Amino acid sequence: MSLEIQMEVTITKQISAYTCVLACIESILADWNRPMTQQELIDRFPDLCHKGEHIEGAFDFTKDTFDMVAKELIFQWHQSDKFLTPEDNTAYLILTTEGDKHCVRALFQKSSSSFWVMDPNVNRFINQVALFEFDFAKESIRKPVLIKLINTEQAA
């Protein structure tokens, strides 16, 4: 069985065990022609990303912290209860909020609870393939949430 991908997405590996959120943001910003590396995000938001600590790059996702990042990086976001195929100015993240917290970039909806995602976890890359299935039903104990991001930067 082959999976044909109809959209291009910037595949981004996280630079440490803690930078999955930043890797997904890096991927999205690159696709919006606004490149910013994970290290640049850490440098721009040192307190939010635990710069200089043993967990450098870890992003404590809360409404307030993500509001702050969204304002600085010129995008809007909201928790979503449905997935629409991403357009040029939108993207989706799936965040697990309990247990082993992780962030992936949702690309395609496979079924009512299952998505194809870009997983930035470098340890999961197999022959440079970063596309994996994420099933909300199977991951329910980790309390996943779907987040929609909307690029609000005005064209120059």
Protein backbone atom coordinates (compact mmCIF):
# COMPACT_ATOMS: atom_id res chain seq x y z
CA MET A 1 0.00 0.00 0.00
CA SER A 2 1.42 3.39 -0.91
CA LEU A 3 0.52 6.77 0.46
CA GLU A 4 0.58 9.62 -2.01
CA ILE A 5 1.14 12.99 -0.42
CA GLN A 6 -0.59 15.78 -2.29
CA MET A 7 0.96 18.64 -0.35
CA GLU A 8 4.50 19.58 0.43
CA VAL A 9 5.47 20.03 4.03
CA THR A 10 8.81 20.96 5.52
CA ILE A 11 10.02 17.90 7.42
CA THR A 12 11.75 19.05 10.59
CA LYS A 13 13.53 16.90 13.16
CA GLN A 14 13.64 18.14 16.73
CA ILE A 15 17.15 19.17 17.85
CA SER A 16 16.78 17.66 21.32
CA ALA A 17 14.42 15.43 23.28
CA TYR A 18 12.54 18.55 24.38
CA THR A 19 11.97 20.56 21.19
CA CYS A 20 9.02 18.81 19.53
CA VAL A 21 6.76 21.91 19.79
CA LEU A 22 9.53 24.14 18.43
CA ALA A 23 10.25 21.69 15.59
CA CYS A 24 6.60 21.75 14.55
CA ILE A 25 6.54 25.56 14.71
CA GLU A 26 9.77 25.66 12.66
CA SER A 27 8.14 23.43 10.03
CA ILE A 28 5.02 25.60 9.86
CA LEU A 29 6.93 28.88 9.69
CA ALA A 30 9.12 27.48 6.89
CA ASP A 31 6.01 26.56 4.93
CA TRP A 32 4.69 30.07 5.48
CA ASN A 33 7.97 31.47 4.05
CA ARG A 34 8.95 32.83 7.46
CA PRO A 35 11.87 30.57 8.38
CA MET A 36 13.00 30.44 12.00
CA THR A 37 15.03 27.60 13.48
CA GLN A 38 14.39 25.89 16.80
CA GLN A 39 17.50 27.56 18.21
CA GLU A 40 16.26 30.96 17.04
CA LEU A 41 12.94 30.26 18.79
CA ILE A 42 14.80 29.33 21.99
CA ASP A 43 16.83 32.55 21.74
CA ARG A 44 13.73 34.66 21.05
CA PHE A 45 11.70 33.11 23.90
CA PRO A 46 14.37 32.15 26.46
CA ASP A 47 12.08 32.01 29.50
CA LEU A 48 9.33 30.04 27.74
CA CYS A 49 11.88 27.59 26.32
CA HIS A 50 13.98 27.06 29.47
CA LYS A 51 17.13 28.43 27.80
CA GLY A 52 20.27 27.36 29.64
CA GLU A 53 18.48 24.68 31.66
CA HIS A 54 18.89 20.91 31.28
CA ILE A 55 15.51 20.86 29.50
CA GLU A 56 16.39 23.69 27.09
CA GLY A 57 13.83 23.84 24.30
CA ALA A 58 10.96 22.41 26.34
CA PHE A 59 7.91 24.56 25.77
CA ASP A 60 5.30 24.58 28.52
CA PHE A 61 2.14 24.85 26.47
CA THR A 62 -0.55 26.96 28.13
CA LYS A 63 -3.00 29.43 26.67
CA ASP A 64 -0.92 32.33 27.98
CA THR A 65 2.43 31.05 26.70
CA PHE A 66 1.07 30.21 23.26
CA ASP A 67 -0.74 33.58 23.10
CA MET A 68 2.60 35.27 23.73
CA VAL A 69 4.37 33.31 20.99
CA ALA A 70 1.48 33.79 18.56
CA LYS A 71 1.52 37.56 19.08
CA GLU A 72 5.28 37.76 18.49
CA LEU A 73 5.26 35.44 15.46
CA ILE A 74 2.08 36.94 13.98
CA PHE A 75 -0.36 34.06 13.93
CA GLN A 76 -3.65 33.22 15.60
CA TRP A 77 -4.50 29.90 17.18
CA HIS A 78 -7.35 28.07 18.82
CA GLN A 79 -8.19 24.60 20.02
CA SER A 80 -10.25 22.90 17.34
CA ASP A 81 -12.74 20.08 17.44
CA LYS A 82 -12.55 19.37 13.73
CA PHE A 83 -9.81 19.09 11.16
CA LEU A 84 -10.03 20.73 7.77
CA THR A 85 -7.41 20.12 5.12
CA PRO A 86 -4.74 22.75 5.80
CA GLU A 87 -4.65 25.66 3.38
CA ASP A 88 -1.69 27.94 2.64
CA ASN A 89 -2.39 30.07 5.70
CA THR A 90 -3.36 27.35 8.19
CA ALA A 91 -1.69 24.44 9.94
CA TYR A 92 -2.58 21.98 12.70
CA LEU A 93 -0.73 20.61 15.71
CA ILE A 94 -1.67 17.69 17.91
CA LEU A 95 -0.41 18.05 21.47
CA THR A 96 -0.62 15.38 24.11
CA THR A 97 -1.23 17.09 27.43
CA GLU A 98 -0.85 14.24 29.93
CA GLY A 99 1.77 11.58 30.56
CA ASP A 100 4.47 11.47 27.90
CA LYS A 101 3.81 14.91 26.38
CA HIS A 102 4.59 15.31 22.70
CA CYS A 103 3.71 17.48 19.71
CA VAL A 104 3.22 16.44 16.07
CA ARG A 105 2.06 18.31 12.99
CA ALA A 106 -1.25 17.00 11.63
CA LEU A 107 -1.27 16.76 7.83
CA PHE A 108 -4.18 14.58 6.70
CA GLN A 109 -7.18 13.05 8.41
CA LYS A 110 -7.27 9.30 7.77
CA SER A 111 -10.48 8.51 9.70
CA SER A 112 -12.70 10.17 12.30
CA SER A 113 -10.02 9.76 14.99
CA SER A 114 -6.86 9.06 13.03
CA PHE A 115 -4.40 11.43 11.33
CA TRP A 116 -1.26 11.22 9.26
CA VAL A 117 1.27 13.42 11.03
CA MET A 118 4.82 14.70 10.75
CA ASP A 119 6.50 13.51 13.94
CA PRO A 120 9.66 15.54 14.63
CA ASN A 121 11.04 12.92 17.04
CA VAL A 122 14.38 12.05 15.43
CA ASN A 123 14.33 8.62 17.09
CA ARG A 124 11.24 7.66 15.11
CA PHE A 125 12.63 8.50 11.67
CA ILE A 126 13.00 5.39 9.54
CA ASN A 127 14.85 5.91 6.26
CA GLN A 128 14.07 9.64 6.52
CA VAL A 129 10.31 8.99 6.56
CA ALA A 130 8.56 11.24 9.04
CA LEU A 131 4.95 10.40 8.26
CA PHE A 132 3.18 8.41 10.95
CA GLU A 133 -0.36 7.61 11.99
CA PHE A 134 -1.69 9.26 15.14
CA ASP A 135 -4.93 7.83 16.51
CA PHE A 136 -6.83 9.94 19.07
CA ALA A 137 -8.70 6.88 20.32
CA LYS A 138 -5.50 4.92 21.01
CA GLU A 139 -3.82 7.97 22.57
CA SER A 140 -6.80 9.09 24.69
CA ILE A 141 -4.97 8.46 27.99
CA ARG A 142 -2.46 11.16 26.96
CA LYS A 143 -5.32 13.65 26.38
CA PRO A 144 -4.46 14.89 22.89
CA VAL A 145 -5.76 18.22 21.66
CA LEU A 146 -5.98 19.54 18.11
CA ILE A 147 -4.67 23.09 17.65
CA LYS A 148 -5.30 25.18 14.52
CA LEU A 149 -2.79 27.90 13.61
CA ILE A 150 -3.65 30.70 11.18
CA ASN A 151 -0.99 32.87 9.54
CA THR A 152 -2.04 36.50 10.01
CA GLU A 153 1.11 38.17 8.72
CA GLN A 154 0.20 40.72 6.07
CA ALA A 155 1.76 40.21 2.65
CA ALA A 156 4.40 42.82 1.94
